[in-house]
PDB file of N, CA and C in Angstrom:
ATOM      1  N   MET A   1     246.118  58.138 -46.889  1.00  0.00           N
ATOM      2  CA  MET A   1     245.687  57.644 -45.595  1.00  0.00           C
ATOM      3  C   MET A   1     244.818  58.707 -44.937  1.00  0.00           C
ATOM      4  N   GLU A   2     243.697  58.281 -44.426  1.00  0.00           N
ATOM      5  CA  GLU A   2     242.757  59.228 -43.844  1.00  0.00           C
ATOM      6  C   GLU A   2     242.761  59.178 -42.315  1.00  0.00           C
ATOM      7  N   LYS A   3     242.344  60.277 -41.713  1.00  0.00           N
ATOM      8  CA  LYS A   3     242.217  60.355 -40.261  1.00  0.00           C
ATOM      9  C   LYS A   3     241.099  59.437 -39.831  1.00  0.00           C
ATOM     10  N   LEU A   4     241.226  58.884 -38.645  1.00  0.00           N
ATOM     11  CA  LEU A   4     240.237  57.949 -38.129  1.00  0.00           C
ATOM     12  C   LEU A   4     239.125  58.668 -37.379  1.00  0.00           C
ATOM     13  N   THR A   5     237.969  58.002 -37.294  1.00  0.00           N
ATOM     14  CA  THR A   5     236.881  58.502 -36.463  1.00  0.00           C
ATOM     15  C   THR A   5     237.255  58.278 -35.004  1.00  0.00           C
ATOM     16  N   ALA A   6     236.503  58.870 -34.101  1.00  0.00           N
ATOM     17  CA  ALA A   6     236.775  58.721 -32.664  1.00  0.00           C
ATOM     18  C   ALA A   6     236.717  57.251 -32.240  1.00  0.00           C
ATOM     19  N   LYS A   7     235.733  56.515 -32.708  1.00  0.00           N
ATOM     20  CA  LYS A   7     235.603  55.089 -32.350  1.00  0.00           C
ATOM     21  C   LYS A   7     236.739  54.272 -32.953  1.00  0.00           C
ATOM     22  N   GLU A   8     237.136  54.599 -34.184  1.00  0.00           N
ATOM     23  CA  GLU A   8     238.254  53.890 -34.797  1.00  0.00           C
ATOM     24  C   GLU A   8     239.537  54.148 -34.016  1.00  0.00           C
ATOM     25  N   GLU A   9     239.730  55.387 -33.576  1.00  0.00           N
ATOM     26  CA  GLU A   9     240.907  55.702 -32.764  1.00  0.00           C
ATOM     27  C   GLU A   9     240.871  54.920 -31.453  1.00  0.00           C
ATOM     28  N   GLU A  10     239.690  54.807 -30.868  1.00  0.00           N
ATOM     29  CA  GLU A  10     239.541  54.068 -29.614  1.00  0.00           C
ATOM     30  C   GLU A  10     239.941  52.601 -29.803  1.00  0.00           C
ATOM     31  N   VAL A  11     239.504  52.000 -30.896  1.00  0.00           N
ATOM     32  CA  VAL A  11     239.854  50.609 -31.181  1.00  0.00           C
ATOM     33  C   VAL A  11     241.356  50.488 -31.455  1.00  0.00           C
ATOM     34  N   MET A  12     241.906  51.439 -32.193  1.00  0.00           N
ATOM     35  CA  MET A  12     243.345  51.404 -32.461  1.00  0.00           C
ATOM     36  C   MET A  12     244.153  51.541 -31.172  1.00  0.00           C
ATOM     37  N   GLN A  13     243.701  52.368 -30.247  1.00  0.00           N
ATOM     38  CA  GLN A  13     244.407  52.507 -28.962  1.00  0.00           C
ATOM     39  C   GLN A  13     244.521  51.154 -28.271  1.00  0.00           C
ATOM     40  N   VAL A  14     243.432  50.398 -28.289  1.00  0.00           N
ATOM     41  CA  VAL A  14     243.434  49.069 -27.671  1.00  0.00           C
ATOM     42  C   VAL A  14     244.374  48.138 -28.428  1.00  0.00           C
ATOM     43  N   LEU A  15     244.309  48.155 -29.734  1.00  0.00           N
ATOM     44  CA  LEU A  15     245.152  47.273 -30.539  1.00  0.00           C
ATOM     45  C   LEU A  15     246.629  47.643 -30.396  1.00  0.00           C
ATOM     46  N   TRP A  16     246.947  48.943 -30.340  1.00  0.00           N
ATOM     47  CA  TRP A  16     248.335  49.350 -30.111  1.00  0.00           C
ATOM     48  C   TRP A  16     248.821  48.836 -28.759  1.00  0.00           C
ATOM     49  N   LYS A  17     247.937  48.887 -27.771  1.00  0.00           N
ATOM     50  CA  LYS A  17     248.301  48.429 -26.430  1.00  0.00           C
ATOM     51  C   LYS A  17     248.543  46.922 -26.415  1.00  0.00           C
ATOM     52  N   LEU A  18     247.657  46.166 -27.055  1.00  0.00           N
ATOM     53  CA  LEU A  18     247.761  44.705 -27.040  1.00  0.00           C
ATOM     54  C   LEU A  18     248.777  44.173 -28.059  1.00  0.00           C
ATOM     55  N   GLU A  19     249.057  44.950 -29.091  1.00  0.00           N
ATOM     56  CA  GLU A  19     249.974  44.618 -30.185  1.00  0.00           C
ATOM     57  C   GLU A  19     249.399  43.612 -31.175  1.00  0.00           C
ATOM     58  N   GLN A  20     248.627  42.646 -30.716  1.00  0.00           N
ATOM     59  CA  GLN A  20     247.886  41.738 -31.585  1.00  0.00           C
ATOM     60  C   GLN A  20     246.777  41.134 -30.743  1.00  0.00           C
ATOM     61  N   ALA A  21     245.613  40.921 -31.355  1.00  0.00           N
ATOM     62  CA  ALA A  21     244.484  40.438 -30.563  1.00  0.00           C
ATOM     63  C   ALA A  21     243.363  39.944 -31.464  1.00  0.00           C
ATOM     64  N   TYR A  22     242.564  39.064 -30.898  1.00  0.00           N
ATOM     65  CA  TYR A  22     241.307  38.662 -31.505  1.00  0.00           C
ATOM     66  C   TYR A  22     240.244  39.645 -31.027  1.00  0.00           C
ATOM     67  N   VAL A  23     239.177  39.789 -31.785  1.00  0.00           N
ATOM     68  CA  VAL A  23     238.105  40.712 -31.394  1.00  0.00           C
ATOM     69  C   VAL A  23     237.608  40.361 -29.991  1.00  0.00           C
ATOM     70  N   LYS A  24     237.458  39.066 -29.710  1.00  0.00           N
ATOM     71  CA  LYS A  24     236.938  38.644 -28.396  1.00  0.00           C
ATOM     72  C   LYS A  24     237.835  39.096 -27.242  1.00  0.00           C
ATOM     73  N   ASP A  25     239.128  39.274 -27.517  1.00  0.00           N
ATOM     74  CA  ASP A  25     240.050  39.758 -26.489  1.00  0.00           C
ATOM     75  C   ASP A  25     239.968  41.267 -26.299  1.00  0.00           C
ATOM     76  N   MET A  26     239.508  41.947 -27.332  1.00  0.00           N
ATOM     77  CA  MET A  26     239.427  43.406 -27.280  1.00  0.00           C
ATOM     78  C   MET A  26     238.143  43.893 -26.607  1.00  0.00           C
ATOM     79  N   VAL A  27     237.047  43.200 -26.847  1.00  0.00           N
ATOM     80  CA  VAL A  27     235.727  43.651 -26.390  1.00  0.00           C
ATOM     81  C   VAL A  27     235.694  43.998 -24.900  1.00  0.00           C
ATOM     82  N   PRO A  28     236.255  43.170 -23.992  1.00  0.00           N
ATOM     83  CA  PRO A  28     236.177  43.504 -22.556  1.00  0.00           C
ATOM     84  C   PRO A  28     236.894  44.798 -22.173  1.00  0.00           C
ATOM     85  N   LEU A  29     237.772  45.293 -23.024  1.00  0.00           N
ATOM     86  CA  LEU A  29     238.520  46.511 -22.700  1.00  0.00           C
ATOM     87  C   LEU A  29     237.731  47.788 -22.964  1.00  0.00           C
ATOM     88  N   PHE A  30     236.598  47.662 -23.632  1.00  0.00           N
ATOM     89  CA  PHE A  30     235.742  48.822 -23.897  1.00  0.00           C
ATOM     90  C   PHE A  30     234.643  48.852 -22.837  1.00  0.00           C
ATOM     91  N   THR A  31     234.827  49.727 -21.856  1.00  0.00           N
ATOM     92  CA  THR A  31     233.887  49.747 -20.734  1.00  0.00           C
ATOM     93  C   THR A  31     233.077  51.031 -20.625  1.00  0.00           C
ATOM     94  N   ASP A  32     233.549  52.107 -21.237  1.00  0.00           N
ATOM     95  CA  ASP A  32     232.862  53.386 -21.059  1.00  0.00           C
ATOM     96  C   ASP A  32     232.725  54.130 -22.383  1.00  0.00           C
ATOM     97  N   PRO A  33     231.734  53.867 -23.168  1.00  0.00           N
ATOM     98  CA  PRO A  33     230.692  52.846 -22.992  1.00  0.00           C
ATOM     99  C   PRO A  33     231.175  51.491 -23.501  1.00  0.00           C
ATOM    100  N   PRO A  34     230.518  50.429 -23.053  1.00  0.00           N
ATOM    101  CA  PRO A  34     230.870  49.108 -23.567  1.00  0.00           C
ATOM    102  C   PRO A  34     230.540  49.005 -25.057  1.00  0.00           C
ATOM    103  N   LEU A  35     231.356  48.269 -25.781  1.00  0.00           N
ATOM    104  CA  LEU A  35     231.094  48.047 -27.200  1.00  0.00           C
ATOM    105  C   LEU A  35     230.765  46.573 -27.417  1.00  0.00           C
ATOM    106  N   HIS A  36     229.788  46.326 -28.250  1.00  0.00           N
ATOM    107  CA  HIS A  36     229.380  44.965 -28.565  1.00  0.00           C
ATOM    108  C   HIS A  36     230.404  44.320 -29.499  1.00  0.00           C
ATOM    109  N   TYR A  37     230.496  43.007 -29.452  1.00  0.00           N
ATOM    110  CA  TYR A  37     231.421  42.248 -30.298  1.00  0.00           C
ATOM    111  C   TYR A  37     231.271  42.639 -31.763  1.00  0.00           C
ATOM    112  N   ASN A  38     230.032  42.691 -32.252  1.00  0.00           N
ATOM    113  CA  ASN A  38     229.800  43.013 -33.670  1.00  0.00           C
ATOM    114  C   ASN A  38     230.283  44.414 -34.026  1.00  0.00           C
ATOM    115  N   THR A  39     230.150  45.351 -33.097  1.00  0.00           N
ATOM    116  CA  THR A  39     230.607  46.716 -33.331  1.00  0.00           C
ATOM    117  C   THR A  39     232.121  46.744 -33.491  1.00  0.00           C
ATOM    118  N   VAL A  40     232.826  46.093 -32.563  1.00  0.00           N
ATOM    119  CA  VAL A  40     234.295  46.053 -32.628  1.00  0.00           C
ATOM    120  C   VAL A  40     234.733  45.347 -33.905  1.00  0.00           C
ATOM    121  N   SER A  41     234.065  44.264 -34.238  1.00  0.00           N
ATOM    122  CA  SER A  41     234.392  43.516 -35.447  1.00  0.00           C
ATOM    123  C   SER A  41     234.235  44.382 -36.703  1.00  0.00           C
ATOM    124  N   THR A  42     233.157  45.137 -36.765  1.00  0.00           N
ATOM    125  CA  THR A  42     232.919  46.024 -37.913  1.00  0.00           C
ATOM    126  C   THR A  42     233.984  47.112 -37.991  1.00  0.00           C
ATOM    127  N   ILE A  43     234.308  47.710 -36.851  1.00  0.00           N
ATOM    128  CA  ILE A  43     235.317  48.769 -36.816  1.00  0.00           C
ATOM    129  C   ILE A  43     236.674  48.217 -37.250  1.00  0.00           C
ATOM    130  N   ILE A  44     237.023  47.031 -36.772  1.00  0.00           N
ATOM    131  CA  ILE A  44     238.300  46.412 -37.143  1.00  0.00           C
ATOM    132  C   ILE A  44     238.369  46.164 -38.644  1.00  0.00           C
ATOM    133  N   ARG A  45     237.279  45.683 -39.226  1.00  0.00           N
ATOM    134  CA  ARG A  45     237.262  45.446 -40.675  1.00  0.00           C
ATOM    135  C   ARG A  45     237.420  46.764 -41.436  1.00  0.00           C
ATOM    136  N   ASN A  46     236.782  47.831 -40.947  1.00  0.00           N
ATOM    137  CA  ASN A  46     236.943  49.155 -41.574  1.00  0.00           C
ATOM    138  C   ASN A  46     238.393  49.626 -41.476  1.00  0.00           C
ATOM    139  N   LEU A  47     239.012  49.399 -40.328  1.00  0.00           N
ATOM    140  CA  LEU A  47     240.407  49.784 -40.144  1.00  0.00           C
ATOM    141  C   LEU A  47     241.320  48.998 -41.083  1.00  0.00           C
ATOM    142  N   GLU A  48     240.963  47.758 -41.312  1.00  0.00           N
ATOM    143  CA  GLU A  48     241.747  46.941 -42.238  1.00  0.00           C
ATOM    144  C   GLU A  48     241.609  47.470 -43.667  1.00  0.00           C
ATOM    145  N   GLU A  49     240.393  47.836 -44.051  1.00  0.00           N
ATOM    146  CA  GLU A  49     240.171  48.404 -45.388  1.00  0.00           C
ATOM    147  C   GLU A  49     240.931  49.715 -45.574  1.00  0.00           C
ATOM    148  N   LYS A  50     241.080  50.490 -44.493  1.00  0.00           N
ATOM    149  CA  LYS A  50     241.782  51.772 -44.560  1.00  0.00           C
ATOM    150  C   LYS A  50     243.300  51.609 -44.512  1.00  0.00           C
ATOM    151  N   GLY A  51     243.767  50.391 -44.261  1.00  0.00           N
ATOM    152  CA  GLY A  51     245.204  50.139 -44.239  1.00  0.00           C
ATOM    153  C   GLY A  51     245.879  50.316 -42.894  1.00  0.00           C
ATOM    154  N   TYR A  52     245.109  50.377 -41.823  1.00  0.00           N
ATOM    155  CA  TYR A  52     245.668  50.550 -40.493  1.00  0.00           C
ATOM    156  C   TYR A  52     245.930  49.220 -39.787  1.00  0.00           C
ATOM    157  N   VAL A  53     245.206  48.182 -40.179  1.00  0.00           N
ATOM    158  CA  VAL A  53     245.222  46.915 -39.472  1.00  0.00           C
ATOM    159  C   VAL A  53     245.404  45.779 -40.468  1.00  0.00           C
ATOM    160  N   GLY A  54     246.133  44.758 -40.047  1.00  0.00           N
ATOM    161  CA  GLY A  54     246.256  43.531 -40.819  1.00  0.00           C
ATOM    162  C   GLY A  54     245.764  42.374 -39.973  1.00  0.00           C
ATOM    163  N   HIS A  55     245.703  41.194 -40.558  1.00  0.00           N
ATOM    164  CA  HIS A  55     245.285  40.037 -39.774  1.00  0.00           C
ATOM    165  C   HIS A  55     245.984  38.766 -40.229  1.00  0.00           C
ATOM    166  N   LYS A  56     246.032  37.819 -39.291  1.00  0.00           N
ATOM    167  CA  LYS A  56     246.460  36.459 -39.586  1.00  0.00           C
ATOM    168  C   LYS A  56     245.227  35.589 -39.407  1.00  0.00           C
ATOM    169  N   ALA A  57     244.953  34.742 -40.388  1.00  0.00           N
ATOM    170  CA  ALA A  57     243.771  33.883 -40.320  1.00  0.00           C
ATOM    171  C   ALA A  57     244.127  32.543 -39.681  1.00  0.00           C
ATOM    172  N   PHE A  58     243.286  32.132 -38.786  1.00  0.00           N
ATOM    173  CA  PHE A  58     243.368  30.812 -38.168  1.00  0.00           C
ATOM    174  C   PHE A  58     242.002  30.170 -38.353  1.00  0.00           C
ATOM    175  N   GLY A  59     241.794  29.517 -39.475  1.00  0.00           N
ATOM    176  CA  GLY A  59     240.473  29.001 -39.809  1.00  0.00           C
ATOM    177  C   GLY A  59     239.540  30.169 -40.058  1.00  0.00           C
ATOM    178  N   ASN A  60     238.418  30.187 -39.344  1.00  0.00           N
ATOM    179  CA  ASN A  60     237.450  31.275 -39.483  1.00  0.00           C
ATOM    180  C   ASN A  60     237.747  32.445 -38.546  1.00  0.00           C
ATOM    181  N   THR A  61     238.791  32.327 -37.751  1.00  0.00           N
ATOM    182  CA  THR A  61     239.125  33.346 -36.764  1.00  0.00           C
ATOM    183  C   THR A  61     240.291  34.184 -37.267  1.00  0.00           C
ATOM    184  N   HIS A  62     240.255  35.466 -36.937  1.00  0.00           N
ATOM    185  CA  HIS A  62     241.326  36.374 -37.347  1.00  0.00           C
ATOM    186  C   HIS A  62     241.979  37.019 -36.128  1.00  0.00           C
ATOM    187  N   GLU A  63     243.298  37.013 -36.149  1.00  0.00           N
ATOM    188  CA  GLU A  63     244.057  37.746 -35.140  1.00  0.00           C
ATOM    189  C   GLU A  63     244.543  39.023 -35.811  1.00  0.00           C
ATOM    190  N   TYR A  64     244.198  40.152 -35.227  1.00  0.00           N
ATOM    191  CA  TYR A  64     244.492  41.449 -35.830  1.00  0.00           C
ATOM    192  C   TYR A  64     245.730  42.077 -35.208  1.00  0.00           C
ATOM    193  N   TYR A  65     246.408  42.887 -35.998  1.00  0.00           N
ATOM    194  CA  TYR A  65     247.591  43.596 -35.529  1.00  0.00           C
ATOM    195  C   TYR A  65     247.669  44.936 -36.257  1.00  0.00           C
ATOM    196  N   PRO A  66     248.241  45.957 -35.606  1.00  0.00           N
ATOM    197  CA  PRO A  66     248.356  47.263 -36.255  1.00  0.00           C
ATOM    198  C   PRO A  66     249.443  47.248 -37.322  1.00  0.00           C
ATOM    199  N   ILE A  67     249.152  47.866 -38.436  1.00  0.00           N
ATOM    200  CA  ILE A  67     250.147  48.053 -39.497  1.00  0.00           C
ATOM    201  C   ILE A  67     250.808  49.414 -39.316  1.00  0.00           C
ATOM    202  N   ILE A  68     250.026  50.385 -38.865  1.00  0.00           N
ATOM    203  CA  ILE A  68     250.499  51.749 -38.639  1.00  0.00           C
ATOM    204  C   ILE A  68     250.827  51.904 -37.155  1.00  0.00           C
ATOM    205  N   SER A  69     252.013  52.399 -36.856  1.00  0.00           N
ATOM    206  CA  SER A  69     252.396  52.589 -35.454  1.00  0.00           C
ATOM    207  C   SER A  69     251.647  53.780 -34.848  1.00  0.00           C
ATOM    208  N   LYS A  70     251.546  53.733 -33.560  1.00  0.00           N
ATOM    209  CA  LYS A  70     250.916  54.833 -32.828  1.00  0.00           C
ATOM    210  C   LYS A  70     251.682  56.134 -33.065  1.00  0.00           C
ATOM    211  N   GLU A  71     253.000  56.052 -33.077  1.00  0.00           N
ATOM    212  CA  GLU A  71     253.831  57.234 -33.273  1.00  0.00           C
ATOM    213  C   GLU A  71     253.600  57.847 -34.657  1.00  0.00           C
ATOM    214  N   PHE A  72     253.499  56.996 -35.678  1.00  0.00           N
ATOM    215  CA  PHE A  72     253.249  57.492 -37.031  1.00  0.00           C
ATOM    216  C   PHE A  72     251.910  58.223 -37.071  1.00  0.00           C
ATOM    217  N   TYR A  73     250.881  57.629 -36.473  1.00  0.00           N
ATOM    218  CA  TYR A  73     249.554  58.243 -36.479  1.00  0.00           C
ATOM    219  C   TYR A  73     249.574  59.568 -35.720  1.00  0.00           C
ATOM    220  N   GLN A  74     250.226  59.584 -34.559  1.00  0.00           N
ATOM    221  CA  GLN A  74     250.318  60.820 -33.777  1.00  0.00           C
ATOM    222  C   GLN A  74     250.973  61.919 -34.593  1.00  0.00           C
ATOM    223  N   ASN A  75     252.075  61.593 -35.225  1.00  0.00           N
ATOM    224  CA  ASN A  75     252.810  62.595 -36.003  1.00  0.00           C
ATOM    225  C   ASN A  75     252.020  63.056 -37.221  1.00  0.00           C
ATOM    226  N   ARG A  76     251.335  62.139 -37.856  1.00  0.00           N
ATOM    227  CA  ARG A  76     250.648  62.451 -39.114  1.00  0.00           C
ATOM    228  C   ARG A  76     249.352  63.217 -38.890  1.00  0.00           C
ATOM    229  N   PHE A  77     248.621  62.860 -37.838  1.00  0.00           N
ATOM    230  CA  PHE A  77     247.285  63.429 -37.675  1.00  0.00           C
ATOM    231  C   PHE A  77     247.078  64.200 -36.372  1.00  0.00           C
ATOM    232  N   VAL A  78     247.390  63.602 -35.265  1.00  0.00           N
ATOM    233  CA  VAL A  78     247.015  64.183 -33.973  1.00  0.00           C
ATOM    234  C   VAL A  78     247.797  65.463 -33.696  1.00  0.00           C
ATOM    235  N   LEU A  79     249.108  65.360 -33.646  1.00  0.00           N
ATOM    236  CA  LEU A  79     249.924  66.526 -33.303  1.00  0.00           C
ATOM    237  C   LEU A  79     249.805  67.608 -34.361  1.00  0.00           C
ATOM    238  N   LYS A  80     249.813  67.205 -35.621  1.00  0.00           N
ATOM    239  CA  LYS A  80     249.698  68.163 -36.717  1.00  0.00           C
ATOM    240  C   LYS A  80     248.394  68.964 -36.608  1.00  0.00           C
ATOM    241  N   LYS A  81     247.303  68.284 -36.277  1.00  0.00           N
ATOM    242  CA  LYS A  81     246.005  68.953 -36.156  1.00  0.00           C
ATOM    243  C   LYS A  81     246.003  69.916 -34.969  1.00  0.00           C
ATOM    244  N   VAL A  82     246.517  69.471 -33.836  1.00  0.00           N
ATOM    245  CA  VAL A  82     246.544  70.326 -32.643  1.00  0.00           C
ATOM    246  C   VAL A  82     247.387  71.573 -32.904  1.00  0.00           C
ATOM    247  N   VAL A  83     248.567  71.375 -33.458  1.00  0.00           N
ATOM    248  CA  VAL A  83     249.448  72.518 -33.733  1.00  0.00           C
ATOM    249  C   VAL A  83     248.797  73.446 -34.757  1.00  0.00           C
ATOM    250  N   GLY A  84     248.173  72.887 -35.766  1.00  0.00           N
ATOM    251  CA  GLY A  84     247.511  73.700 -36.789  1.00  0.00           C
ATOM    252  C   GLY A  84     246.299  74.441 -36.260  1.00  0.00           C
ATOM    253  N   ASP A  85     245.453  73.738 -35.515  1.00  0.00           N
ATOM    254  CA  ASP A  85     244.190  74.331 -35.053  1.00  0.00           C
ATOM    255  C   ASP A  85     244.346  75.292 -33.880  1.00  0.00           C
ATOM    256  N   TYR A  86     245.339  75.045 -33.014  1.00  0.00           N
ATOM    257  CA  TYR A  86     245.419  75.827 -31.785  1.00  0.00           C
ATOM    258  C   TYR A  86     246.682  76.669 -31.630  1.00  0.00           C
ATOM    259  N   PHE A  87     247.699  76.413 -32.456  1.00  0.00           N
ATOM    260  CA  PHE A  87     248.970  77.111 -32.271  1.00  0.00           C
ATOM    261  C   PHE A  87     249.506  77.703 -33.574  1.00  0.00           C
ATOM    262  N   ASP A  88     248.618  78.049 -34.493  1.00  0.00           N
ATOM    263  CA  ASP A  88     248.986  78.715 -35.752  1.00  0.00           C
ATOM    264  C   ASP A  88     250.110  77.991 -36.500  1.00  0.00           C
ATOM    265  N   ASN A  89     250.055  76.667 -36.509  1.00  0.00           N
ATOM    266  CA  ASN A  89     251.064  75.835 -37.182  1.00  0.00           C
ATOM    267  C   ASN A  89     252.482  76.087 -36.672  1.00  0.00           C
ATOM    268  N   SER A  90     252.609  76.487 -35.419  1.00  0.00           N
ATOM    269  CA  SER A  90     253.914  76.809 -34.852  1.00  0.00           C
ATOM    270  C   SER A  90     254.198  75.924 -33.635  1.00  0.00           C
ATOM    271  N   TYR A  91     255.235  75.107 -33.755  1.00  0.00           N
ATOM    272  CA  TYR A  91     255.650  74.294 -32.601  1.00  0.00           C
ATOM    273  C   TYR A  91     256.233  75.182 -31.508  1.00  0.00           C
ATOM    274  N   LYS A  92     256.799  76.312 -31.905  1.00  0.00           N
ATOM    275  CA  LYS A  92     257.306  77.281 -30.926  1.00  0.00           C
ATOM    276  C   LYS A  92     256.149  77.773 -30.052  1.00  0.00           C
ATOM    277  N   ASN A  93     255.021  78.088 -30.679  1.00  0.00           N
ATOM    278  CA  ASN A  93     253.846  78.525 -29.914  1.00  0.00           C
ATOM    279  C   ASN A  93     253.358  77.419 -28.979  1.00  0.00           C
ATOM    280  N   LEU A  94     253.427  76.184 -29.434  1.00  0.00           N
ATOM    281  CA  LEU A  94     253.022  75.042 -28.599  1.00  0.00           C
ATOM    282  C   LEU A  94     253.900  74.951 -27.357  1.00  0.00           C
ATOM    283  N   VAL A  95     255.215  74.988 -27.555  1.00  0.00           N
ATOM    284  CA  VAL A  95     256.139  74.889 -26.429  1.00  0.00           C
ATOM    285  C   VAL A  95     255.991  76.101 -25.512  1.00  0.00           C
ATOM    286  N   SER A  96     255.808  77.273 -26.089  1.00  0.00           N
ATOM    287  CA  SER A  96     255.614  78.491 -25.285  1.00  0.00           C
ATOM    288  C   SER A  96     254.378  78.367 -24.414  1.00  0.00           C
ATOM    289  N   TYR A  97     253.324  77.804 -24.979  1.00  0.00           N
ATOM    290  CA  TYR A  97     252.086  77.601 -24.217  1.00  0.00           C
ATOM    291  C   TYR A  97     252.363  76.757 -22.978  1.00  0.00           C
ATOM    292  N   PHE A  98     253.084  75.649 -23.158  1.00  0.00           N
ATOM    293  CA  PHE A  98     253.366  74.771 -22.021  1.00  0.00           C
ATOM    294  C   PHE A  98     254.263  75.452 -21.005  1.00  0.00           C
ATOM    295  N   ALA A  99     255.221  76.237 -21.473  1.00  0.00           N
ATOM    296  CA  ALA A  99     256.115  76.941 -20.562  1.00  0.00           C
ATOM    297  C   ALA A  99     255.357  78.003 -19.767  1.00  0.00           C
ATOM    298  N   GLU A 100     254.526  78.776 -20.469  1.00  0.00           N
ATOM    299  CA  GLU A 100     253.778  79.845 -19.808  1.00  0.00           C
ATOM    300  C   GLU A 100     252.767  79.308 -18.800  1.00  0.00           C
ATOM    301  N   ASN A 101     252.252  78.138 -19.043  1.00  0.00           N
ATOM    302  CA  ASN A 101     251.255  77.552 -18.143  1.00  0.00           C
ATOM    303  C   ASN A 101     251.860  76.545 -17.177  1.00  0.00           C
ATOM    304  N   GLU A 102     253.186  76.607 -17.053  1.00  0.00           N
ATOM    305  CA  GLU A 102     253.937  75.770 -16.115  1.00  0.00           C
ATOM    306  C   GLU A 102     253.626  74.282 -16.266  1.00  0.00           C
ATOM    307  N   LYS A 103     253.454  73.862 -17.523  1.00  0.00           N
ATOM    308  CA  LYS A 103     253.228  72.452 -17.828  1.00  0.00           C
ATOM    309  C   LYS A 103     254.539  71.762 -18.194  1.00  0.00           C
ATOM    310  N   ILE A 104     255.604  72.580 -18.335  1.00  0.00           N
ATOM    311  CA  ILE A 104     256.919  72.050 -18.675  1.00  0.00           C
ATOM    312  C   ILE A 104     257.953  72.830 -17.884  1.00  0.00           C
ATOM    313  N   SER A 105     258.935  72.126 -17.350  1.00  0.00           N
ATOM    314  CA  SER A 105     259.951  72.773 -16.516  1.00  0.00           C
ATOM    315  C   SER A 105     261.141  73.216 -17.359  1.00  0.00           C
ATOM    316  N   ALA A 106     261.972  74.046 -16.754  1.00  0.00           N
ATOM    317  CA  ALA A 106     263.189  74.497 -17.429  1.00  0.00           C
ATOM    318  C   ALA A 106     264.105  73.314 -17.718  1.00  0.00           C
ATOM    319  N   ASP A 107     264.165  72.353 -16.790  1.00  0.00           N
ATOM    320  CA  ASP A 107     264.984  71.158 -17.016  1.00  0.00           C
ATOM    321  C   ASP A 107     264.472  70.366 -18.215  1.00  0.00           C
ATOM    322  N   GLU A 108     263.155  70.243 -18.337  1.00  0.00           N
ATOM    323  CA  GLU A 108     262.584  69.536 -19.483  1.00  0.00           C
ATOM    324  C   GLU A 108     262.873  70.272 -20.787  1.00  0.00           C
ATOM    325  N   LEU A 109     262.807  71.592 -20.751  1.00  0.00           N
ATOM    326  CA  LEU A 109     263.142  72.378 -21.941  1.00  0.00           C
ATOM    327  C   LEU A 109     264.614  72.192 -22.332  1.00  0.00           C
ATOM    328  N   ARG A 110     265.491  72.130 -21.334  1.00  0.00           N
ATOM    329  CA  ARG A 110     266.906  71.887 -21.616  1.00  0.00           C
ATOM    330  C   ARG A 110     267.097  70.509 -22.251  1.00  0.00           C
ATOM    331  N   GLU A 111     266.352  69.520 -21.767  1.00  0.00           N
ATOM    332  CA  GLU A 111     266.423  68.168 -22.354  1.00  0.00           C
ATOM    333  C   GLU A 111     265.960  68.191 -23.809  1.00  0.00           C
ATOM    334  N   ILE A 112     264.903  68.934 -24.080  1.00  0.00           N
ATOM    335  CA  ILE A 112     264.393  69.056 -25.454  1.00  0.00           C
ATOM    336  C   ILE A 112     265.447  69.721 -26.335  1.00  0.00           C
ATOM    337  N   LEU A 113     266.060  70.794 -25.837  1.00  0.00           N
ATOM    338  CA  LEU A 113     267.117  71.484 -26.596  1.00  0.00           C
ATOM    339  C   LEU A 113     268.278  70.539 -26.885  1.00  0.00           C
ATOM    340  N   ALA A 114     268.651  69.728 -25.893  1.00  0.00           N
ATOM    341  CA  ALA A 114     269.743  68.785 -26.085  1.00  0.00           C
ATOM    342  C   ALA A 114     269.374  67.767 -27.168  1.00  0.00           C
ATOM    343  N   LEU A 115     268.142  67.309 -27.190  1.00  0.00           N
ATOM    344  CA  LEU A 115     267.693  66.381 -28.232  1.00  0.00           C
ATOM    345  C   LEU A 115     267.760  67.018 -29.612  1.00  0.00           C
ATOM    346  N   ILE A 116     267.352  68.277 -29.675  1.00  0.00           N
ATOM    347  CA  ILE A 116     267.391  69.002 -30.971  1.00  0.00           C
ATOM    348  C   ILE A 116     268.837  69.146 -31.432  1.00  0.00           C
ATOM    349  N   GLU A 117     269.725  69.502 -30.513  1.00  0.00           N
ATOM    350  CA  GLU A 117     271.130  69.666 -30.863  1.00  0.00           C
ATOM    351  C   GLU A 117     271.740  68.357 -31.335  1.00  0.00           C
ATOM    352  N   GLN A 118     271.342  67.246 -30.739  1.00  0.00           N
ATOM    353  CA  GLN A 118     271.860  65.932 -31.143  1.00  0.00           C
ATOM    354  C   GLN A 118     271.448  65.579 -32.559  1.00  0.00           C
ATOM    355  N   LYS A 119     270.285  66.043 -32.980  1.00  0.00           N
ATOM    356  CA  LYS A 119     269.762  65.748 -34.329  1.00  0.00           C
ATOM    357  C   LYS A 119     270.501  66.496 -35.420  1.00  0.00           C
ATOM    358  N   LYS A 120     271.169  67.593 -35.051  1.00  0.00           N
ATOM    359  CA  LYS A 120     271.850  68.438 -36.054  1.00  0.00           C
ATOM    360  C   LYS A 120     273.117  67.776 -36.552  1.00  0.00           C
TER     361      LYS A 120
END
């Protein structure tokens, strides 16, 4: 499974949000910049070829749905890349960064620790 392009990720974000949709339902959600129907249709077909999207056929019309969950994609590509590129492959460095820059509170850190302890 390969990482998606920026536009493919944008289309997947919409599809994850809608859970299932026709291309015509997705097009109005792309406003900055707007995407043409044919562009969204092409991207969706590429996503289907890559194994990210499936469809149900209704005559000549297709209703698309994500095969890969947002969480799976985040874990496989997004978070892994950020931790690798910016935090020396260390989740400890990632959490330290947020703590040092006051992006995470002590209470939130305690909640994270409790979650880790529950997993053991």
